[in-house]
Amino acid sequence: MATIAVRKKRRRITAFDVALYIFFTLVAFVMLYPLWSVLIGSLMPYNEYVTNTLKLWAPNPTLESYKVFFGQEEFFKPLINSIIYTVGGTVLSMIVTTMAAYALSKKRLVGRNALMYIFFFTTLFTGGIIPVYITMKSYHLLDSLLSVILLTTVNTIYLIILRTHFMSIPADIEEAAMIDGANDFTTLFRIMLPMSKPILATLVLFYAVDKWNDFYNPLFLIRSEEHQVLQVILYNILFVGTQNPMKNQFTMISQSNVASETMRMAAVIAVTLPILLVYPFLQKHFVKGVMVGSIKG
């Protein structure tokens, strides 16, 4: 029996494809170059930093700026606070968001549509700083990490995304579990969550990035250095400099060969690095979660 070989017809690359590749290459360069320039600048000695304008590479790389940055005791406590805020806040946010989204996805919940309208209303209009400050003060939560963690517990957009995903799972699966004697908690933790790993990993990454980069809330809720987070310290380094109210983050610069410009760049990279290290481990689930949200949302 003669076999017929079917050749796959190769798609021709048109001028439009070439223009599209060039365009997105330029877009990628514009987006990545500032971060690359900061990274290279943080690895340069100061004399090379002032003479090298493009900063595409470091001829004589050095880690002196990072040694000075991490060598200051003032940074250890804010770093620990940021880790506690990010990890603890993300865990709490995922627990509350998951349980709320599951409850709001059930048709038997009385008033669920009204609750969703109320939640969505908070994304359009907020009470502002003063009510939040007064509320935290009345509960004696000012100047503590708990105030920031509680304030940012639930992101309504993430709640809607997860609720939509739960609603897209066939009801027959839950009904079969209920017939076998499973209650709502058993159904949620043993059936719904294992089927939702991609979207959960995506929301974990979103929450972690939000909390790690949070600057605004700690700035007005936390006043003491003992409870402050790293992002506010970074702000003091970049914009306030030696006039910052929380000691002097440049005390060691005068005793070293590191200039404040290269140390600022080292601080930016040091604060950005944790999220960049976490992303590769969640990338597979992140891509799946984004696709799930785009199709089912």
Protein backbone atom coordinates (compact mmCIF):
# COMPACT_ATOMS: atom_id res chain seq x y z
CA MET A 1 0.00 0.00 0.00
CA ALA A 2 1.55 3.17 -1.12
CA THR A 3 1.99 5.81 1.49
CA ILE A 4 1.29 9.34 0.57
CA ALA A 5 3.61 11.83 2.21
CA VAL A 6 1.90 15.06 3.02
CA ARG A 7 4.27 17.94 3.34
CA LYS A 8 3.32 20.62 5.74
CA LYS A 9 3.17 23.85 3.87
CA ARG A 10 5.46 26.39 5.45
CA ARG A 11 3.94 29.76 6.12
CA ARG A 12 5.61 32.55 4.21
CA ILE A 13 7.02 35.41 6.23
CA THR A 14 5.52 38.62 4.91
CA ALA A 15 6.71 42.19 5.23
CA PHE A 16 4.02 42.72 7.86
CA ASP A 17 5.51 39.89 9.95
CA VAL A 18 8.97 41.46 9.74
CA ALA A 19 7.59 44.85 10.74
CA LEU A 20 5.72 43.23 13.62
CA TYR A 21 8.87 41.47 14.86
CA ILE A 22 10.85 44.70 14.69
CA PHE A 23 8.12 46.62 16.50
CA PHE A 24 7.86 44.15 19.39
CA THR A 25 11.65 43.91 19.61
CA LEU A 26 11.80 47.67 20.06
CA VAL A 27 9.00 47.54 22.63
CA ALA A 28 10.86 44.83 24.56
CA PHE A 29 14.06 46.88 24.42
CA VAL A 30 12.31 50.01 25.68
CA MET A 31 10.81 48.03 28.57
CA LEU A 32 13.92 46.05 29.52
CA TYR A 33 16.67 48.62 28.97
CA PRO A 34 15.90 50.77 32.06
CA LEU A 35 16.11 47.72 34.35
CA TRP A 36 19.23 46.47 32.57
CA SER A 37 20.82 49.91 32.85
CA VAL A 38 20.10 50.00 36.59
CA LEU A 39 21.58 46.51 37.01
CA ILE A 40 24.75 47.41 35.11
CA GLY A 41 25.05 50.72 36.97
CA SER A 42 24.85 48.93 40.31
CA LEU A 43 27.79 46.73 39.28
CA MET A 44 30.01 49.61 38.17
CA PRO A 45 32.63 51.49 40.16
CA TYR A 46 31.69 55.13 40.40
CA ASN A 47 34.42 56.37 38.02
CA GLU A 48 33.10 54.04 35.30
CA TYR A 49 29.51 54.94 36.12
CA VAL A 50 30.01 58.65 35.40
CA THR A 51 31.89 58.03 32.14
CA ASN A 52 29.72 55.22 30.73
CA THR A 53 26.55 56.80 29.32
CA LEU A 54 24.73 53.84 27.74
CA LYS A 55 25.56 51.34 30.50
CA LEU A 56 25.16 48.29 28.30
CA TRP A 57 27.84 46.34 30.18
CA ALA A 58 30.20 46.68 33.12
CA PRO A 59 33.87 46.34 32.06
CA ASN A 60 35.01 45.86 35.66
CA PRO A 61 32.00 44.65 37.66
CA THR A 62 32.04 44.99 41.42
CA LEU A 63 29.62 44.10 44.21
CA GLU A 64 30.74 46.93 46.47
CA SER A 65 27.39 48.73 46.25
CA TYR A 66 25.55 45.58 47.34
CA LYS A 67 28.01 45.00 50.18
CA VAL A 68 27.37 48.52 51.44
CA PHE A 69 23.60 48.15 51.04
CA PHE A 70 23.33 44.81 52.84
CA GLY A 71 26.02 45.80 55.33
CA GLN A 72 23.80 48.37 57.02
CA GLU A 73 21.84 47.10 59.99
CA GLU A 74 19.02 49.55 59.23
CA PHE A 75 17.94 47.36 56.29
CA PHE A 76 17.57 44.01 58.06
CA LYS A 77 14.49 44.86 60.11
CA PRO A 78 12.57 46.42 57.17
CA LEU A 79 13.52 43.39 55.06
CA ILE A 80 12.09 41.01 57.66
CA ASN A 81 8.98 43.19 57.94
CA SER A 82 8.48 43.09 54.16
CA ILE A 83 8.83 39.30 54.14
CA ILE A 84 6.32 38.95 57.00
CA TYR A 85 3.91 41.33 55.28
CA THR A 86 4.23 39.58 51.91
CA VAL A 87 4.08 35.97 53.10
CA GLY A 88 1.57 36.44 55.91
CA GLY A 89 -0.59 38.82 53.91
CA THR A 90 -0.61 36.57 50.84
CA VAL A 91 -1.60 33.50 52.88
CA LEU A 92 -4.43 35.40 54.61
CA SER A 93 -5.58 36.96 51.34
CA MET A 94 -5.71 33.61 49.55
CA ILE A 95 -7.67 31.98 52.38
CA VAL A 96 -10.25 34.76 52.55
CA THR A 97 -10.48 35.25 48.78
CA THR A 98 -10.84 31.52 48.10
CA MET A 99 -13.57 30.94 50.66
CA ALA A 100 -15.44 34.12 49.70
CA ALA A 101 -15.25 33.32 45.98
CA TYR A 102 -16.51 29.78 46.58
CA ALA A 103 -19.43 30.99 48.69
CA LEU A 104 -20.36 33.71 46.19
CA SER A 105 -20.31 31.20 43.33
CA LYS A 106 -23.19 29.22 44.88
CA LYS A 107 -26.66 30.00 43.55
CA ARG A 108 -28.22 28.98 46.84
CA LEU A 109 -26.50 31.87 48.66
CA VAL A 110 -29.21 34.44 49.37
CA GLY A 111 -28.28 37.94 48.20
CA ARG A 112 -25.09 36.92 46.41
CA ASN A 113 -25.72 39.32 43.52
CA ALA A 114 -26.26 42.21 45.92
CA LEU A 115 -23.02 41.31 47.70
CA MET A 116 -21.14 41.23 44.40
CA TYR A 117 -22.47 44.69 43.50
CA ILE A 118 -21.30 45.99 46.88
CA PHE A 119 -17.85 44.46 46.42
CA PHE A 120 -17.59 45.82 42.89
CA PHE A 121 -18.65 49.27 44.10
CA THR A 122 -15.53 49.38 46.28
CA THR A 123 -13.36 49.14 43.17
CA LEU A 124 -14.96 52.30 41.78
CA PHE A 125 -15.22 54.41 44.94
CA THR A 126 -13.19 54.22 48.12
CA GLY A 127 -13.58 55.91 51.46
CA GLY A 128 -10.19 57.57 51.24
CA ILE A 129 -7.33 57.85 53.69
CA ILE A 130 -9.08 59.57 56.60
CA PRO A 131 -11.76 56.87 57.29
CA VAL A 132 -9.10 54.15 57.06
CA TYR A 133 -6.83 56.03 59.45
CA ILE A 134 -9.65 56.65 61.94
CA THR A 135 -10.76 53.01 61.78
CA MET A 136 -7.26 51.67 62.38
CA LYS A 137 -6.75 54.14 65.21
CA SER A 138 -10.01 53.14 66.90
CA TYR A 139 -8.89 49.50 66.87
CA HIS A 140 -5.39 50.46 68.12
CA LEU A 141 -3.78 49.00 65.00
CA LEU A 142 -1.76 52.01 63.88
CA ASP A 143 1.98 51.57 63.54
CA SER A 144 1.75 47.79 63.15
CA LEU A 145 2.10 45.37 60.26
CA LEU A 146 -1.31 43.94 61.13
CA SER A 147 -3.00 47.16 60.03
CA VAL A 148 -1.48 46.92 56.54
CA ILE A 149 -2.17 43.19 56.26
CA LEU A 150 -5.84 43.59 57.19
CA LEU A 151 -6.31 46.61 54.94
CA THR A 152 -5.10 44.73 51.86
CA THR A 153 -6.67 41.35 52.63
CA VAL A 154 -9.00 41.11 49.61
CA ASN A 155 -8.61 42.45 46.11
CA THR A 156 -12.09 42.56 44.57
CA ILE A 157 -10.82 41.96 41.03
CA TYR A 158 -9.04 38.77 42.12
CA LEU A 159 -12.18 37.72 43.99
CA ILE A 160 -14.28 38.14 40.83
CA ILE A 161 -11.75 36.17 38.75
CA LEU A 162 -11.73 33.24 41.18
CA ARG A 163 -15.52 33.32 41.58
CA THR A 164 -15.94 33.18 37.80
CA HIS A 165 -13.59 30.20 37.66
CA PHE A 166 -15.52 28.32 40.35
CA MET A 167 -18.78 29.01 38.51
CA SER A 168 -17.29 27.53 35.32
CA ILE A 169 -16.66 24.14 36.97
CA PRO A 170 -19.55 21.76 36.13
CA ALA A 171 -22.09 21.48 38.93
CA ASP A 172 -22.30 17.72 38.36
CA ILE A 173 -18.92 17.28 40.03
CA GLU A 174 -20.08 18.96 43.22
CA GLU A 175 -23.41 17.14 43.18
CA ALA A 176 -21.63 13.79 42.93
CA ALA A 177 -19.46 14.74 45.90
CA MET A 178 -22.51 15.80 47.91
CA ILE A 179 -24.19 12.45 47.17
CA ASP A 180 -21.10 10.70 48.53
CA GLY A 181 -21.50 12.64 51.77
CA ALA A 182 -19.07 15.52 51.23
CA ASN A 183 -19.91 18.85 52.81
CA ASP A 184 -19.00 22.29 51.46
CA PHE A 185 -15.55 22.35 53.08
CA THR A 186 -14.69 18.87 51.78
CA THR A 187 -15.87 19.82 48.31
CA LEU A 188 -13.85 23.02 48.36
CA PHE A 189 -10.57 21.61 49.64
CA ARG A 190 -10.59 18.18 48.01
CA ILE A 191 -12.28 18.88 44.69
CA MET A 192 -12.46 22.55 43.76
CA LEU A 193 -8.98 23.65 44.85
CA PRO A 194 -7.07 20.75 43.21
CA MET A 195 -8.90 21.60 39.98
CA SER A 196 -7.95 25.27 40.31
CA LYS A 197 -4.16 25.11 40.76
CA PRO A 198 -3.29 27.35 37.76
CA ILE A 199 -5.63 30.18 38.73
CA LEU A 200 -4.63 29.88 42.41
CA ALA A 201 -0.93 30.09 41.52
CA THR A 202 -1.66 33.16 39.41
CA LEU A 203 -3.49 34.88 42.26
CA VAL A 204 -0.71 33.97 44.70
CA LEU A 205 1.77 35.71 42.41
CA PHE A 206 -0.52 38.73 41.99
CA TYR A 207 -1.07 39.09 45.73
CA ALA A 208 2.62 38.60 46.52
CA VAL A 209 3.69 41.25 43.99
CA ASP A 210 1.04 43.67 45.27
CA LYS A 211 2.14 43.31 48.88
CA TRP A 212 5.87 43.28 48.22
CA ASN A 213 5.59 46.47 46.17
CA ASP A 214 3.11 48.15 48.53
CA PHE A 215 4.46 51.56 49.49
CA TYR A 216 1.43 53.77 49.96
CA ASN A 217 -0.31 51.93 52.81
CA PRO A 218 2.76 51.40 55.03
CA LEU A 219 3.75 55.02 54.47
CA PHE A 220 0.70 56.48 56.23
CA LEU A 221 -0.15 53.60 58.60
CA ILE A 222 3.34 52.85 59.94
CA ARG A 223 5.44 55.59 61.46
CA SER A 224 8.14 53.84 63.50
CA GLU A 225 11.31 52.40 62.02
CA GLU A 226 10.81 49.14 63.93
CA HIS A 227 7.72 48.20 61.89
CA GLN A 228 8.53 49.88 58.58
CA VAL A 229 8.85 47.92 55.33
CA LEU A 230 11.63 47.91 52.77
CA GLN A 231 9.74 49.86 50.11
CA VAL A 232 9.54 52.95 52.30
CA ILE A 233 13.25 52.64 53.06
CA LEU A 234 13.90 52.43 49.32
CA TYR A 235 11.88 55.60 48.84
CA ASN A 236 14.03 57.33 51.45
CA ILE A 237 17.16 56.23 49.62
CA LEU A 238 15.98 57.26 46.15
CA PHE A 239 14.20 60.53 46.87
CA VAL A 240 14.85 61.70 50.41
CA GLY A 241 18.48 60.73 50.72
CA THR A 242 20.36 61.92 53.73
CA GLN A 243 17.37 63.97 54.94
CA ASN A 244 15.19 60.93 55.67
CA PRO A 245 13.52 60.89 59.08
CA MET A 246 14.39 57.27 59.87
CA LYS A 247 18.10 57.53 60.73
CA ASN A 248 20.63 57.91 57.96
CA GLN A 249 20.72 55.10 55.39
CA PHE A 250 23.89 56.57 53.94
CA THR A 251 26.04 56.33 57.06
CA MET A 252 28.41 53.80 55.50
CA ILE A 253 28.78 55.56 52.15
CA SER A 254 31.07 58.19 53.59
CA GLN A 255 33.32 55.36 54.79
CA SER A 256 33.48 53.55 51.44
CA ASN A 257 34.25 54.15 47.78
CA VAL A 258 30.61 53.68 46.77
CA ALA A 259 28.69 56.68 45.49
CA SER A 260 25.08 57.27 46.41
CA GLU A 261 23.98 56.83 42.75
CA THR A 262 25.34 53.29 42.44
CA MET A 263 23.98 52.36 45.85
CA ARG A 264 20.53 53.60 44.85
CA MET A 265 20.67 51.30 41.84
CA ALA A 266 21.82 48.40 44.01
CA ALA A 267 18.88 49.07 46.33
CA VAL A 268 16.42 48.98 43.41
CA ILE A 269 17.80 45.65 42.17
CA ALA A 270 17.87 44.17 45.68
CA VAL A 271 14.21 45.04 46.24
CA THR A 272 13.14 43.79 42.79
CA LEU A 273 15.12 40.53 42.92
CA PRO A 274 12.83 38.45 45.23
CA ILE A 275 9.85 38.70 42.87
CA LEU A 276 12.06 37.93 39.87
CA LEU A 277 13.30 34.79 41.64
CA VAL A 278 9.80 33.60 42.57
CA TYR A 279 8.27 34.07 39.11
CA PRO A 280 10.11 31.19 37.31
CA PHE A 281 8.72 28.66 39.80
CA LEU A 282 5.15 29.82 39.12
CA GLN A 283 5.55 30.57 35.42
CA LYS A 284 3.92 27.36 34.19
CA HIS A 285 0.87 27.81 36.42
CA PHE A 286 0.86 31.55 35.78
CA VAL A 287 0.50 31.13 32.01
CA LYS A 288 -2.27 28.55 32.48
CA GLY A 289 -4.03 30.77 35.00
CA VAL A 290 -3.96 33.77 32.70
CA MET A 291 -5.42 31.66 29.88
CA VAL A 292 -8.15 30.33 32.19
CA GLY A 293 -9.03 33.83 33.33
CA SER A 294 -9.11 35.20 29.79
CA ILE A 295 -11.29 32.40 28.42
CA LYS A 296 -13.71 31.91 31.30
CA GLY A 297 -13.83 35.51 32.47
